[in-house]
PDB file of N, CA and C in Angstrom:
ATOM      1  N   UNK A   1      14.539-116.996  65.008  1.00  0.00           N
ATOM      2  CA  UNK A   1      14.298-118.130  64.107  1.00  0.00           C
ATOM      3  C   UNK A   1      15.383-118.305  63.004  1.00  0.00           C
ATOM      4  N   UNK A   2      15.600-117.095  62.427  1.00  0.00           N
ATOM      5  CA  UNK A   2      16.605-117.230  61.265  1.00  0.00           C
ATOM      6  C   UNK A   2      17.901-117.447  61.830  1.00  0.00           C
ATOM      7  N   UNK A   3      18.316-116.721  62.895  1.00  0.00           N
ATOM      8  CA  UNK A   3      19.584-117.137  63.478  1.00  0.00           C
ATOM      9  C   UNK A   3      19.707-118.638  63.773  1.00  0.00           C
ATOM     10  N   UNK A   4      18.647-119.228  64.392  1.00  0.00           N
ATOM     11  CA  UNK A   4      18.877-120.728  64.619  1.00  0.00           C
ATOM     12  C   UNK A   4      19.030-121.642  63.381  1.00  0.00           C
ATOM     13  N   UNK A   5      18.348-121.057  62.275  1.00  0.00           N
ATOM     14  CA  UNK A   5      18.487-121.833  61.014  1.00  0.00           C
ATOM     15  C   UNK A   5      20.076-121.626  60.578  1.00  0.00           C
ATOM     16  N   UNK A   6      20.495-120.392  60.623  1.00  0.00           N
ATOM     17  CA  UNK A   6      21.838-120.117  60.199  1.00  0.00           C
ATOM     18  C   UNK A   6      22.785-121.014  61.022  1.00  0.00           C
ATOM     19  N   UNK A   7      22.586-121.296  62.382  1.00  0.00           N
ATOM     20  CA  UNK A   7      23.521-121.933  63.197  1.00  0.00           C
ATOM     21  C   UNK A   7      23.316-123.315  62.820  1.00  0.00           C
ATOM     22  N   UNK A   8      22.159-123.984  62.546  1.00  0.00           N
ATOM     23  CA  UNK A   8      21.967-125.365  62.439  1.00  0.00           C
ATOM     24  C   UNK A   8      22.089-125.857  60.925  1.00  0.00           C
ATOM     25  N   UNK A   9      21.684-125.052  60.069  1.00  0.00           N
ATOM     26  CA  UNK A   9      21.698-125.462  58.607  1.00  0.00           C
ATOM     27  C   UNK A   9      22.876-124.735  57.904  1.00  0.00           C
ATOM     28  N   UNK A  10      23.286-123.588  58.353  1.00  0.00           N
ATOM     29  CA  UNK A  10      24.250-122.929  57.602  1.00  0.00           C
ATOM     30  C   UNK A  10      23.666-121.670  56.951  1.00  0.00           C
ATOM     31  N   UNK A  11      24.506-120.801  56.307  1.00  0.00           N
ATOM     32  CA  UNK A  11      23.862-119.559  55.740  1.00  0.00           C
ATOM     33  C   UNK A  11      22.960-119.950  54.630  1.00  0.00           C
ATOM     34  N   UNK A  12      22.051-119.041  54.364  1.00  0.00           N
ATOM     35  CA  UNK A  12      21.065-119.229  53.316  1.00  0.00           C
ATOM     36  C   UNK A  12      21.725-119.173  51.887  1.00  0.00           C
ATOM     37  N   UNK A  13      21.364-119.934  50.846  1.00  0.00           N
ATOM     38  CA  UNK A  13      21.801-119.976  49.566  1.00  0.00           C
ATOM     39  C   UNK A  13      21.256-118.803  48.755  1.00  0.00           C
ATOM     40  N   UNK A  14      20.047-118.316  49.189  1.00  0.00           N
ATOM     41  CA  UNK A  14      19.396-117.283  48.415  1.00  0.00           C
ATOM     42  C   UNK A  14      18.697-116.407  49.530  1.00  0.00           C
ATOM     43  N   UNK A  15      19.071-115.098  49.372  1.00  0.00           N
ATOM     44  CA  UNK A  15      18.452-113.933  50.218  1.00  0.00           C
ATOM     45  C   UNK A  15      17.693-113.210  49.183  1.00  0.00           C
ATOM     46  N   UNK A  16      16.327-113.173  49.244  1.00  0.00           N
ATOM     47  CA  UNK A  16      15.557-112.505  48.275  1.00  0.00           C
ATOM     48  C   UNK A  16      15.332-111.112  48.590  1.00  0.00           C
ATOM     49  N   UNK A  17      15.719-110.245  47.783  1.00  0.00           N
ATOM     50  CA  UNK A  17      15.521-108.785  47.861  1.00  0.00           C
ATOM     51  C   UNK A  17      14.096-108.452  48.032  1.00  0.00           C
ATOM     52  N   UNK A  18      13.720-107.584  48.898  1.00  0.00           N
ATOM     53  CA  UNK A  18      12.270-107.149  49.136  1.00  0.00           C
ATOM     54  C   UNK A  18      11.632-106.673  47.868  1.00  0.00           C
ATOM     55  N   UNK A  19      12.353-105.875  47.184  1.00  0.00           N
ATOM     56  CA  UNK A  19      11.638-105.263  45.996  1.00  0.00           C
ATOM     57  C   UNK A  19      11.852-106.193  44.558  1.00  0.00           C
ATOM     58  N   UNK A  20      12.417-107.371  44.971  1.00  0.00           N
ATOM     59  CA  UNK A  20      12.490-108.227  43.755  1.00  0.00           C
ATOM     60  C   UNK A  20      12.229-109.747  44.182  1.00  0.00           C
ATOM     61  N   UNK A  21      10.850-109.957  44.605  1.00  0.00           N
ATOM     62  CA  UNK A  21      10.501-111.398  45.004  1.00  0.00           C
ATOM     63  C   UNK A  21      10.613-112.360  43.915  1.00  0.00           C
ATOM     64  N   UNK A  22      10.829-113.531  44.317  1.00  0.00           N
ATOM     65  CA  UNK A  22      10.819-114.746  43.456  1.00  0.00           C
ATOM     66  C   UNK A  22       9.516-114.772  42.582  1.00  0.00           C
ATOM     67  N   UNK A  23       9.724-115.137  41.356  1.00  0.00           N
ATOM     68  CA  UNK A  23       8.589-115.277  40.502  1.00  0.00           C
ATOM     69  C   UNK A  23       8.417-116.480  39.817  1.00  0.00           C
ATOM     70  N   UNK A  24       9.522-117.392  39.861  1.00  0.00           N
ATOM     71  CA  UNK A  24       9.531-118.746  39.378  1.00  0.00           C
ATOM     72  C   UNK A  24      10.069-119.771  40.313  1.00  0.00           C
ATOM     73  N   UNK A  25      10.010-121.023  40.137  1.00  0.00           N
ATOM     74  CA  UNK A  25      10.593-122.060  40.969  1.00  0.00           C
ATOM     75  C   UNK A  25      11.947-122.267  40.518  1.00  0.00           C
ATOM     76  N   UNK A  26      12.490-121.805  39.634  1.00  0.00           N
ATOM     77  CA  UNK A  26      13.789-122.120  38.987  1.00  0.00           C
ATOM     78  C   UNK A  26      14.831-122.184  39.938  1.00  0.00           C
ATOM     79  N   UNK A  27      15.012-121.336  40.939  1.00  0.00           N
ATOM     80  CA  UNK A  27      16.148-121.401  41.873  1.00  0.00           C
ATOM     81  C   UNK A  27      15.993-122.315  43.043  1.00  0.00           C
ATOM     82  N   UNK A  28      14.744-122.874  43.084  1.00  0.00           N
ATOM     83  CA  UNK A  28      14.446-123.841  44.336  1.00  0.00           C
ATOM     84  C   UNK A  28      14.612-125.238  43.883  1.00  0.00           C
ATOM     85  N   UNK A  29      14.980-125.985  45.020  1.00  0.00           N
ATOM     86  CA  UNK A  29      15.188-127.466  44.841  1.00  0.00           C
ATOM     87  C   UNK A  29      14.362-128.243  45.953  1.00  0.00           C
ATOM     88  N   UNK A  30      13.966-129.402  45.655  1.00  0.00           N
ATOM     89  CA  UNK A  30      13.412-130.230  46.578  1.00  0.00           C
ATOM     90  C   UNK A  30      14.168-130.374  47.803  1.00  0.00           C
ATOM     91  N   UNK A  31      13.662-130.240  48.939  1.00  0.00           N
ATOM     92  CA  UNK A  31      14.168-130.350  50.312  1.00  0.00           C
ATOM     93  C   UNK A  31      14.797-128.988  50.788  1.00  0.00           C
ATOM     94  N   UNK A  32      14.609-127.902  50.013  1.00  0.00           N
ATOM     95  CA  UNK A  32      14.908-126.650  50.557  1.00  0.00           C
ATOM     96  C   UNK A  32      14.063-126.240  51.736  1.00  0.00           C
ATOM     97  N   UNK A  33      14.714-125.518  52.559  1.00  0.00           N
ATOM     98  CA  UNK A  33      13.995-124.951  53.616  1.00  0.00           C
ATOM     99  C   UNK A  33      13.756-123.464  53.418  1.00  0.00           C
ATOM    100  N   UNK A  34      12.492-122.968  53.383  1.00  0.00           N
ATOM    101  CA  UNK A  34      12.430-121.582  53.149  1.00  0.00           C
ATOM    102  C   UNK A  34      11.797-120.753  54.337  1.00  0.00           C
ATOM    103  N   UNK A  35      12.312-119.454  54.568  1.00  0.00           N
ATOM    104  CA  UNK A  35      11.491-118.615  55.458  1.00  0.00           C
ATOM    105  C   UNK A  35      10.755-117.751  54.663  1.00  0.00           C
ATOM    106  N   UNK A  36       9.535-117.511  55.328  1.00  0.00           N
ATOM    107  CA  UNK A  36       8.368-116.665  54.502  1.00  0.00           C
ATOM    108  C   UNK A  36       8.092-115.491  55.432  1.00  0.00           C
ATOM    109  N   UNK A  37       7.587-114.501  54.738  1.00  0.00           N
ATOM    110  CA  UNK A  37       7.033-113.290  55.434  1.00  0.00           C
ATOM    111  C   UNK A  37       5.660-112.958  54.885  1.00  0.00           C
ATOM    112  N   UNK A  38       4.712-112.810  55.873  1.00  0.00           N
ATOM    113  CA  UNK A  38       3.563-112.331  55.478  1.00  0.00           C
ATOM    114  C   UNK A  38       3.478-110.797  55.815  1.00  0.00           C
ATOM    115  N   UNK A  39       2.616-110.281  56.478  1.00  0.00           N
ATOM    116  CA  UNK A  39       2.725-108.895  57.023  1.00  0.00           C
ATOM    117  C   UNK A  39       3.542-108.932  58.147  1.00  0.00           C
ATOM    118  N   UNK A  40       4.566-108.077  58.272  1.00  0.00           N
ATOM    119  CA  UNK A  40       5.311-108.029  59.570  1.00  0.00           C
ATOM    120  C   UNK A  40       6.617-108.812  59.443  1.00  0.00           C
ATOM    121  N   UNK A  41       7.203-109.331  60.500  1.00  0.00           N
ATOM    122  CA  UNK A  41       8.504-109.822  60.549  1.00  0.00           C
ATOM    123  C   UNK A  41       8.400-111.321  59.827  1.00  0.00           C
ATOM    124  N   UNK A  42       9.772-111.746  59.426  1.00  0.00           N
ATOM    125  CA  UNK A  42       9.871-113.170  58.950  1.00  0.00           C
ATOM    126  C   UNK A  42       9.722-114.035  60.122  1.00  0.00           C
ATOM    127  N   UNK A  43       8.616-115.091  59.954  1.00  0.00           N
ATOM    128  CA  UNK A  43       8.571-115.858  61.055  1.00  0.00           C
ATOM    129  C   UNK A  43       7.762-117.186  60.649  1.00  0.00           C
ATOM    130  N   UNK A  44       7.932-117.459  59.390  1.00  0.00           N
ATOM    131  CA  UNK A  44       7.164-118.792  58.957  1.00  0.00           C
ATOM    132  C   UNK A  44       8.209-119.660  58.264  1.00  0.00           C
ATOM    133  N   UNK A  45       8.263-120.843  58.352  1.00  0.00           N
ATOM    134  CA  UNK A  45       9.196-121.819  57.757  1.00  0.00           C
ATOM    135  C   UNK A  45       8.387-122.886  57.068  1.00  0.00           C
ATOM    136  N   UNK A  46       8.877-123.363  55.939  1.00  0.00           N
ATOM    137  CA  UNK A  46       8.243-124.287  55.176  1.00  0.00           C
ATOM    138  C   UNK A  46       9.412-125.173  54.377  1.00  0.00           C
ATOM    139  N   UNK A  47       8.957-126.475  54.008  1.00  0.00           N
ATOM    140  CA  UNK A  47       9.820-127.205  53.197  1.00  0.00           C
ATOM    141  C   UNK A  47       9.424-127.198  51.800  1.00  0.00           C
ATOM    142  N   UNK A  48      10.307-127.248  50.813  1.00  0.00           N
ATOM    143  CA  UNK A  48      10.008-127.444  49.383  1.00  0.00           C
ATOM    144  C   UNK A  48      10.106-128.860  49.079  1.00  0.00           C
ATOM    145  N   UNK A  49       8.971-129.271  48.390  1.00  0.00           N
ATOM    146  CA  UNK A  49       8.875-130.701  48.033  1.00  0.00           C
ATOM    147  C   UNK A  49       8.268-130.824  46.759  1.00  0.00           C
ATOM    148  N   UNK A  50       8.571-132.089  46.032  1.00  0.00           N
ATOM    149  CA  UNK A  50       7.857-132.240  44.743  1.00  0.00           C
ATOM    150  C   UNK A  50       6.376-132.361  45.046  1.00  0.00           C
ATOM    151  N   UNK A  51       5.549-131.752  44.158  1.00  0.00           N
ATOM    152  CA  UNK A  51       4.190-131.856  44.392  1.00  0.00           C
ATOM    153  C   UNK A  51       3.689-133.273  44.219  1.00  0.00           C
ATOM    154  N   UNK A  52       2.731-133.762  45.119  1.00  0.00           N
ATOM    155  CA  UNK A  52       2.395-135.217  45.269  1.00  0.00           C
ATOM    156  C   UNK A  52       1.804-135.672  43.910  1.00  0.00           C
ATOM    157  N   UNK A  53       0.974-134.941  43.181  1.00  0.00           N
ATOM    158  CA  UNK A  53       0.342-135.355  41.971  1.00  0.00           C
ATOM    159  C   UNK A  53       0.747-134.774  40.700  1.00  0.00           C
ATOM    160  N   UNK A  54       1.597-133.791  40.767  1.00  0.00           N
ATOM    161  CA  UNK A  54       1.872-132.937  39.505  1.00  0.00           C
ATOM    162  C   UNK A  54       3.436-133.104  39.214  1.00  0.00           C
ATOM    163  N   UNK A  55       3.897-133.995  38.394  1.00  0.00           N
ATOM    164  CA  UNK A  55       5.351-134.219  38.073  1.00  0.00           C
ATOM    165  C   UNK A  55       6.067-132.953  37.625  1.00  0.00           C
ATOM    166  N   UNK A  56       7.234-132.595  38.202  1.00  0.00           N
ATOM    167  CA  UNK A  56       7.888-131.352  37.785  1.00  0.00           C
ATOM    168  C   UNK A  56       7.378-130.094  38.431  1.00  0.00           C
ATOM    169  N   UNK A  57       6.564-130.231  39.377  1.00  0.00           N
ATOM    170  CA  UNK A  57       5.969-128.949  40.069  1.00  0.00           C
ATOM    171  C   UNK A  57       6.362-129.018  41.537  1.00  0.00           C
ATOM    172  N   UNK A  58       6.909-128.025  42.119  1.00  0.00           N
ATOM    173  CA  UNK A  58       7.269-128.035  43.518  1.00  0.00           C
ATOM    174  C   UNK A  58       6.141-127.346  44.235  1.00  0.00           C
ATOM    175  N   UNK A  59       6.099-127.807  45.590  1.00  0.00           N
ATOM    176  CA  UNK A  59       5.018-127.146  46.427  1.00  0.00           C
ATOM    177  C   UNK A  59       5.783-126.934  47.809  1.00  0.00           C
ATOM    178  N   UNK A  60       5.056-126.242  48.751  1.00  0.00           N
ATOM    179  CA  UNK A  60       5.648-126.105  50.052  1.00  0.00           C
ATOM    180  C   UNK A  60       4.743-126.929  50.963  1.00  0.00           C
ATOM    181  N   UNK A  61       5.322-127.430  52.037  1.00  0.00           N
ATOM    182  CA  UNK A  61       4.525-128.038  53.063  1.00  0.00           C
ATOM    183  C   UNK A  61       5.011-127.221  54.410  1.00  0.00           C
ATOM    184  N   UNK A  62       3.859-126.919  55.048  1.00  0.00           N
ATOM    185  CA  UNK A  62       4.107-126.133  56.306  1.00  0.00           C
ATOM    186  C   UNK A  62       2.920-126.299  57.156  1.00  0.00           C
ATOM    187  N   UNK A  63       2.961-125.856  58.341  1.00  0.00           N
ATOM    188  CA  UNK A  63       1.860-125.950  59.256  1.00  0.00           C
ATOM    189  C   UNK A  63       0.980-124.507  59.059  1.00  0.00           C
ATOM    190  N   UNK A  64      -0.172-124.798  59.350  1.00  0.00           N
ATOM    191  CA  UNK A  64      -1.213-123.547  59.201  1.00  0.00           C
ATOM    192  C   UNK A  64      -1.939-123.374  60.514  1.00  0.00           C
ATOM    193  N   UNK A  65      -1.551-122.427  61.363  1.00  0.00           N
ATOM    194  CA  UNK A  65      -2.181-122.279  62.747  1.00  0.00           C
ATOM    195  C   UNK A  65      -3.642-122.061  62.633  1.00  0.00           C
ATOM    196  N   UNK A  66      -4.184-121.492  61.593  1.00  0.00           N
ATOM    197  CA  UNK A  66      -5.576-121.160  61.498  1.00  0.00           C
ATOM    198  C   UNK A  66      -6.244-122.422  61.270  1.00  0.00           C
ATOM    199  N   UNK A  67      -5.712-123.379  60.425  1.00  0.00           N
ATOM    200  CA  UNK A  67      -6.288-124.735  60.140  1.00  0.00           C
ATOM    201  C   UNK A  67      -6.067-125.650  61.192  1.00  0.00           C
ATOM    202  N   UNK A  68      -4.864-125.532  61.959  1.00  0.00           N
ATOM    203  CA  UNK A  68      -4.400-126.358  62.891  1.00  0.00           C
ATOM    204  C   UNK A  68      -3.855-127.842  62.375  1.00  0.00           C
ATOM    205  N   UNK A  69      -3.265-127.685  61.130  1.00  0.00           N
ATOM    206  CA  UNK A  69      -2.705-128.918  60.509  1.00  0.00           C
ATOM    207  C   UNK A  69      -1.565-128.509  59.597  1.00  0.00           C
ATOM    208  N   UNK A  70      -1.008-129.536  58.964  1.00  0.00           N
ATOM    209  CA  UNK A  70      -0.007-129.349  58.006  1.00  0.00           C
ATOM    210  C   UNK A  70      -0.647-129.178  56.626  1.00  0.00           C
ATOM    211  N   UNK A  71      -0.159-128.280  55.739  1.00  0.00           N
ATOM    212  CA  UNK A  71      -0.808-127.988  54.514  1.00  0.00           C
ATOM    213  C   UNK A  71       0.170-128.099  53.401  1.00  0.00           C
ATOM    214  N   UNK A  72      -0.220-128.351  52.261  1.00  0.00           N
ATOM    215  CA  UNK A  72       0.594-128.262  51.018  1.00  0.00           C
ATOM    216  C   UNK A  72       0.126-127.279  49.995  1.00  0.00           C
ATOM    217  N   UNK A  73       0.871-126.456  49.433  1.00  0.00           N
ATOM    218  CA  UNK A  73       0.502-125.427  48.367  1.00  0.00           C
ATOM    219  C   UNK A  73       1.428-125.546  47.294  1.00  0.00           C
ATOM    220  N   UNK A  74       0.950-125.469  46.075  1.00  0.00           N
ATOM    221  CA  UNK A  74       1.828-125.376  44.805  1.00  0.00           C
ATOM    222  C   UNK A  74       2.480-123.931  44.970  1.00  0.00           C
ATOM    223  N   UNK A  75       3.796-124.136  44.746  1.00  0.00           N
ATOM    224  CA  UNK A  75       4.586-122.790  44.670  1.00  0.00           C
ATOM    225  C   UNK A  75       4.212-121.912  43.495  1.00  0.00           C
ATOM    226  N   UNK A  76       3.082-121.289  43.646  1.00  0.00           N
ATOM    227  CA  UNK A  76       2.764-120.360  42.574  1.00  0.00           C
ATOM    228  C   UNK A  76       3.259-118.874  43.124  1.00  0.00           C
ATOM    229  N   UNK A  77       2.867-118.006  42.278  1.00  0.00           N
ATOM    230  CA  UNK A  77       3.431-116.645  42.624  1.00  0.00           C
ATOM    231  C   UNK A  77       2.966-116.086  43.921  1.00  0.00           C
ATOM    232  N   UNK A  78       1.905-116.457  44.375  1.00  0.00           N
ATOM    233  CA  UNK A  78       1.346-115.993  45.630  1.00  0.00           C
ATOM    234  C   UNK A  78       2.292-116.410  46.798  1.00  0.00           C
ATOM    235  N   UNK A  79       2.663-117.702  46.670  1.00  0.00           N
ATOM    236  CA  UNK A  79       3.648-118.170  47.642  1.00  0.00           C
ATOM    237  C   UNK A  79       5.071-117.871  47.441  1.00  0.00           C
ATOM    238  N   UNK A  80       5.486-117.784  46.216  1.00  0.00           N
ATOM    239  CA  UNK A  80       6.881-117.399  45.883  1.00  0.00           C
ATOM    240  C   UNK A  80       7.241-116.005  46.343  1.00  0.00           C
ATOM    241  N   UNK A  81       6.268-115.076  46.257  1.00  0.00           N
ATOM    242  CA  UNK A  81       6.605-113.643  46.780  1.00  0.00           C
ATOM    243  C   UNK A  81       6.787-113.519  48.172  1.00  0.00           C
ATOM    244  N   UNK A  82       6.286-114.632  48.900  1.00  0.00           N
ATOM    245  CA  UNK A  82       6.470-114.472  50.430  1.00  0.00           C
ATOM    246  C   UNK A  82       7.835-115.114  50.731  1.00  0.00           C
ATOM    247  N   UNK A  83       8.574-115.730  49.989  1.00  0.00           N
ATOM    248  CA  UNK A  83       9.863-116.393  50.462  1.00  0.00           C
ATOM    249  C   UNK A  83      10.769-115.148  50.627  1.00  0.00           C
ATOM    250  N   UNK A  84      11.640-115.258  51.721  1.00  0.00           N
ATOM    251  CA  UNK A  84      12.553-114.339  52.059  1.00  0.00           C
ATOM    252  C   UNK A  84      13.942-114.905  51.917  1.00  0.00           C
ATOM    253  N   UNK A  85      14.231-116.209  52.489  1.00  0.00           N
ATOM    254  CA  UNK A  85      15.433-116.793  52.484  1.00  0.00           C
ATOM    255  C   UNK A  85      15.300-118.200  52.098  1.00  0.00           C
ATOM    256  N   UNK A  86      16.303-118.873  51.470  1.00  0.00           N
ATOM    257  CA  UNK A  86      16.225-120.286  51.007  1.00  0.00           C
ATOM    258  C   UNK A  86      17.495-120.841  51.630  1.00  0.00           C
ATOM    259  N   UNK A  87      17.228-121.880  52.341  1.00  0.00           N
ATOM    260  CA  UNK A  87      18.433-122.780  52.869  1.00  0.00           C
ATOM    261  C   UNK A  87      18.348-124.056  52.246  1.00  0.00           C
ATOM    262  N   UNK A  88      19.732-124.602  51.935  1.00  0.00           N
ATOM    263  CA  UNK A  88      19.664-125.910  51.290  1.00  0.00           C
ATOM    264  C   UNK A  88      20.583-126.792  52.209  1.00  0.00           C
ATOM    265  N   UNK A  89      20.143-128.020  52.476  1.00  0.00           N
ATOM    266  CA  UNK A  89      20.727-128.953  53.226  1.00  0.00           C
ATOM    267  C   UNK A  89      21.500-129.846  52.386  1.00  0.00           C
TER     268      UNK A  89
END
């Protein structure tokens, strides 16, 4: 997955060290593409977008296999710590 992103989008602008996860949205921009890791290998992709109802706040939009639909989550610490790489188009 990441090899395909590298080929199509280019190299990531941020590679997050495992022991130093992101804690703020400061380095992220609207329309960034992020890869995320839960337990195990990196295999989840999301788009960073402005939150639909809260000006100045970013959220991620991604699919959720358990829910079977697209979801939006505010980029809080829970989600920020899962980000592994950030691609900017």
